[in-house]
Amino acid sequence: LPEELHVLSVRAPQSMDGPDSYTWYDLDLSAGGLHASQPDADGFRRSLDLVHEFVEEAIEAYDLDPDRIGLLGFSQGSITSLSALIERPDAYRWVVALNGYLAESHAADVERAEGKPVFLGCGSADQVIPPARAEHAAETLEAGGVDIRFETYNVGHGTTPTEISDVLAWLETRY
């Protein structure tokens, strides 16, 4: 990552079944199962508040420049990062969202993040979050005036070296 970045890694707060497995929130599957799921409202609110609080405390504890703070998330972390940007666009300079989508709870407010740069990547063979959901997120963000870069990679619910290289090159243009 570019030297100008302060990298803080946040583990999801909720333990799942299995060793070293965590989640940001439970899923609401009432819309038709996993591929149409949305974040559970209560858990999602808690997770968004935790991200905002963590960033605020890290800025104070480590004397970080708040103008250099961005978010990078994968899957639920991606969904959480996009919504955090929409809620507090002045708190985050950019977002990298990998293999995620835009939560319906925040889709109507995307114009709040107008002009903010977002890198949105997805896997063309993702069986957890279908690429159409990521593509729809990119279209919604773009319609709201977000400076979106949307890329699809030949992978499932994961990343590729090419995607990581693209993210790094994109981040270097942020400073």
Protein backbone atom coordinates (compact mmCIF):
# COMPACT_ATOMS: atom_id res chain seq x y z
CA LEU A 1 0.00 0.00 0.00
CA PRO A 2 1.16 3.56 -0.55
CA GLU A 3 3.35 4.85 2.29
CA GLU A 4 1.05 7.85 2.71
CA LEU A 5 -1.72 5.59 4.02
CA HIS A 6 -2.30 4.66 7.63
CA VAL A 7 -3.52 1.07 7.56
CA LEU A 8 -5.91 0.01 10.29
CA SER A 9 -7.46 -3.43 10.06
CA VAL A 10 -10.74 -3.99 11.83
CA ARG A 11 -12.05 -7.49 12.49
CA ALA A 12 -15.81 -7.94 12.31
CA PRO A 13 -17.28 -7.97 15.83
CA GLN A 14 -19.54 -11.01 15.70
CA SER A 15 -18.10 -14.52 16.06
CA MET A 16 -19.46 -17.21 13.72
CA ASP A 17 -19.32 -20.97 13.82
CA GLY A 18 -15.83 -22.18 13.14
CA PRO A 19 -12.37 -21.00 14.11
CA ASP A 20 -11.38 -17.46 13.22
CA SER A 21 -14.71 -16.72 11.53
CA TYR A 22 -16.38 -13.37 12.10
CA THR A 23 -19.24 -11.40 10.62
CA TRP A 24 -20.32 -7.77 10.76
CA TYR A 25 -24.03 -8.55 11.07
CA ASP A 26 -26.68 -11.19 10.51
CA LEU A 27 -28.44 -11.37 7.18
CA ASP A 28 -32.09 -10.68 6.50
CA LEU A 29 -33.00 -13.47 4.06
CA SER A 30 -36.71 -12.59 3.76
CA ALA A 31 -36.35 -11.21 0.21
CA GLY A 32 -35.52 -14.62 -1.24
CA GLY A 33 -32.41 -16.13 0.30
CA LEU A 34 -28.70 -15.35 0.25
CA HIS A 35 -28.55 -13.81 -3.24
CA ALA A 36 -31.19 -11.22 -2.34
CA SER A 37 -30.19 -10.76 1.29
CA GLN A 38 -29.81 -7.46 3.07
CA PRO A 39 -28.06 -6.62 6.33
CA ASP A 40 -30.16 -7.20 9.44
CA ALA A 41 -31.13 -3.65 10.47
CA ASP A 42 -30.10 -3.82 14.14
CA GLY A 43 -26.80 -5.57 13.56
CA PHE A 44 -25.96 -3.35 10.61
CA ARG A 45 -26.59 -0.19 12.63
CA ARG A 46 -24.36 -1.54 15.41
CA SER A 47 -21.59 -2.36 12.93
CA LEU A 48 -21.74 1.04 11.24
CA ASP A 49 -21.56 2.75 14.62
CA LEU A 50 -18.58 0.57 15.57
CA VAL A 51 -16.71 1.49 12.37
CA HIS A 52 -17.36 5.21 12.87
CA GLU A 53 -16.30 5.01 16.55
CA PHE A 54 -13.19 2.97 15.73
CA VAL A 55 -12.03 5.50 13.13
CA GLU A 56 -12.68 8.45 15.44
CA GLU A 57 -10.77 6.78 18.29
CA ALA A 58 -7.89 5.76 15.99
CA ILE A 59 -7.54 9.33 14.70
CA GLU A 60 -7.23 10.55 18.28
CA ALA A 61 -5.08 7.69 19.64
CA TYR A 62 -2.56 7.69 16.77
CA ASP A 63 -2.77 11.40 15.86
CA LEU A 64 -3.83 10.53 12.31
CA ASP A 65 -4.66 13.09 9.65
CA PRO A 66 -8.45 12.73 9.20
CA ASP A 67 -8.13 13.88 5.59
CA ARG A 68 -6.18 10.70 4.79
CA ILE A 69 -8.72 8.16 6.04
CA GLY A 70 -10.31 5.72 3.62
CA LEU A 71 -12.09 2.41 4.03
CA LEU A 72 -11.33 -0.95 2.41
CA GLY A 73 -13.71 -3.83 2.90
CA PHE A 74 -14.40 -7.30 1.53
CA SER A 75 -17.89 -8.86 1.38
CA GLN A 76 -19.78 -7.61 4.46
CA GLY A 77 -16.89 -5.21 5.11
CA SER A 78 -17.46 -3.83 1.60
CA ILE A 79 -21.17 -3.34 2.23
CA THR A 80 -20.43 -1.70 5.58
CA SER A 81 -17.76 0.57 4.06
CA LEU A 82 -20.04 1.83 1.30
CA SER A 83 -22.79 2.64 3.79
CA ALA A 84 -20.33 4.29 6.19
CA LEU A 85 -19.18 6.57 3.35
CA ILE A 86 -22.77 7.53 2.54
CA GLU A 87 -23.52 8.25 6.20
CA ARG A 88 -20.38 10.29 6.82
CA PRO A 89 -18.86 11.41 3.51
CA ASP A 90 -16.71 14.02 5.23
CA ALA A 91 -15.10 11.37 7.44
CA TYR A 92 -13.72 9.17 4.65
CA ARG A 93 -11.67 10.21 1.65
CA TRP A 94 -12.30 7.07 -0.45
CA VAL A 95 -13.61 3.51 -0.31
CA VAL A 96 -12.39 0.25 -1.81
CA ALA A 97 -15.30 -2.20 -1.83
CA LEU A 98 -14.51 -5.76 -2.92
CA ASN A 99 -17.17 -8.40 -3.53
CA GLY A 100 -20.05 -6.49 -2.01
CA TYR A 101 -23.14 -4.48 -2.84
CA LEU A 102 -24.91 -1.34 -1.71
CA ALA A 103 -27.34 -1.93 1.14
CA GLU A 104 -30.91 -0.91 0.29
CA SER A 105 -31.00 1.05 3.55
CA HIS A 106 -28.48 3.52 2.10
CA ALA A 107 -29.21 3.44 -1.64
CA ALA A 108 -31.58 6.42 -1.60
CA ASP A 109 -28.89 8.64 -0.03
CA VAL A 110 -25.97 8.00 -2.40
CA GLU A 111 -25.85 11.64 -3.48
CA ARG A 112 -24.45 12.42 -0.02
CA ALA A 113 -21.19 10.85 -1.24
CA GLU A 114 -21.15 12.85 -4.48
CA GLY A 115 -17.63 13.26 -5.82
CA LYS A 116 -16.10 10.69 -3.46
CA PRO A 117 -13.87 8.10 -5.16
CA VAL A 118 -14.94 4.46 -4.85
CA PHE A 119 -13.25 1.37 -6.29
CA LEU A 120 -15.79 -1.44 -6.57
CA GLY A 121 -14.52 -4.86 -7.61
CA CYS A 122 -16.37 -8.15 -7.94
CA GLY A 123 -15.87 -11.70 -9.08
CA SER A 124 -17.55 -12.75 -12.31
CA ALA A 125 -18.19 -16.18 -10.79
CA ASP A 126 -19.11 -15.05 -7.25
CA GLN A 127 -21.70 -17.49 -5.88
CA VAL A 128 -22.16 -15.60 -2.60
CA ILE A 129 -22.80 -12.08 -3.94
CA PRO A 130 -23.80 -12.27 -7.59
CA PRO A 131 -21.89 -9.83 -9.83
CA ALA A 132 -25.20 -8.24 -10.87
CA ARG A 133 -25.58 -6.89 -7.32
CA ALA A 134 -22.15 -5.23 -7.47
CA GLU A 135 -22.91 -3.88 -10.94
CA HIS A 136 -26.20 -2.45 -9.68
CA ALA A 137 -24.32 -0.82 -6.79
CA ALA A 138 -21.87 0.76 -9.24
CA GLU A 139 -24.73 2.11 -11.37
CA THR A 140 -26.54 3.51 -8.31
CA LEU A 141 -23.37 5.14 -6.98
CA GLU A 142 -22.54 6.63 -10.37
CA ALA A 143 -26.09 8.03 -10.70
CA GLY A 144 -25.56 9.68 -7.30
CA GLY A 145 -22.42 11.43 -8.52
CA VAL A 146 -19.87 9.14 -6.88
CA ASP A 147 -16.53 8.89 -8.73
CA ILE A 148 -16.83 5.14 -9.32
CA ARG A 149 -14.39 2.68 -10.81
CA PHE A 150 -16.08 -0.67 -11.32
CA GLU A 151 -14.14 -3.78 -12.31
CA THR A 152 -15.05 -7.44 -12.69
CA TYR A 153 -12.45 -10.18 -12.22
CA ASN A 154 -12.39 -13.85 -13.20
CA VAL A 155 -12.85 -15.21 -9.69
CA GLY A 156 -15.55 -16.33 -7.29
CA HIS A 157 -16.01 -14.80 -3.86
CA GLY A 158 -12.39 -13.77 -3.54
CA THR A 159 -9.72 -11.58 -5.05
CA THR A 160 -7.02 -12.02 -7.68
CA PRO A 161 -3.49 -10.63 -7.94
CA THR A 162 -4.70 -8.46 -10.83
CA GLU A 163 -7.47 -7.00 -8.67
CA ILE A 164 -5.02 -6.23 -5.85
CA SER A 165 -2.67 -4.58 -8.36
CA ASP A 166 -5.55 -2.50 -9.71
CA VAL A 167 -6.55 -1.46 -6.17
CA LEU A 168 -2.96 -0.45 -5.36
CA ALA A 169 -2.61 1.59 -8.55
CA TRP A 170 -5.98 3.25 -7.88
CA LEU A 171 -5.01 4.07 -4.27
CA GLU A 172 -1.76 5.68 -5.43
CA THR A 173 -3.83 8.18 -7.42
CA ARG A 174 -5.65 9.23 -4.23
CA TYR A 175 -2.57 11.06 -2.85
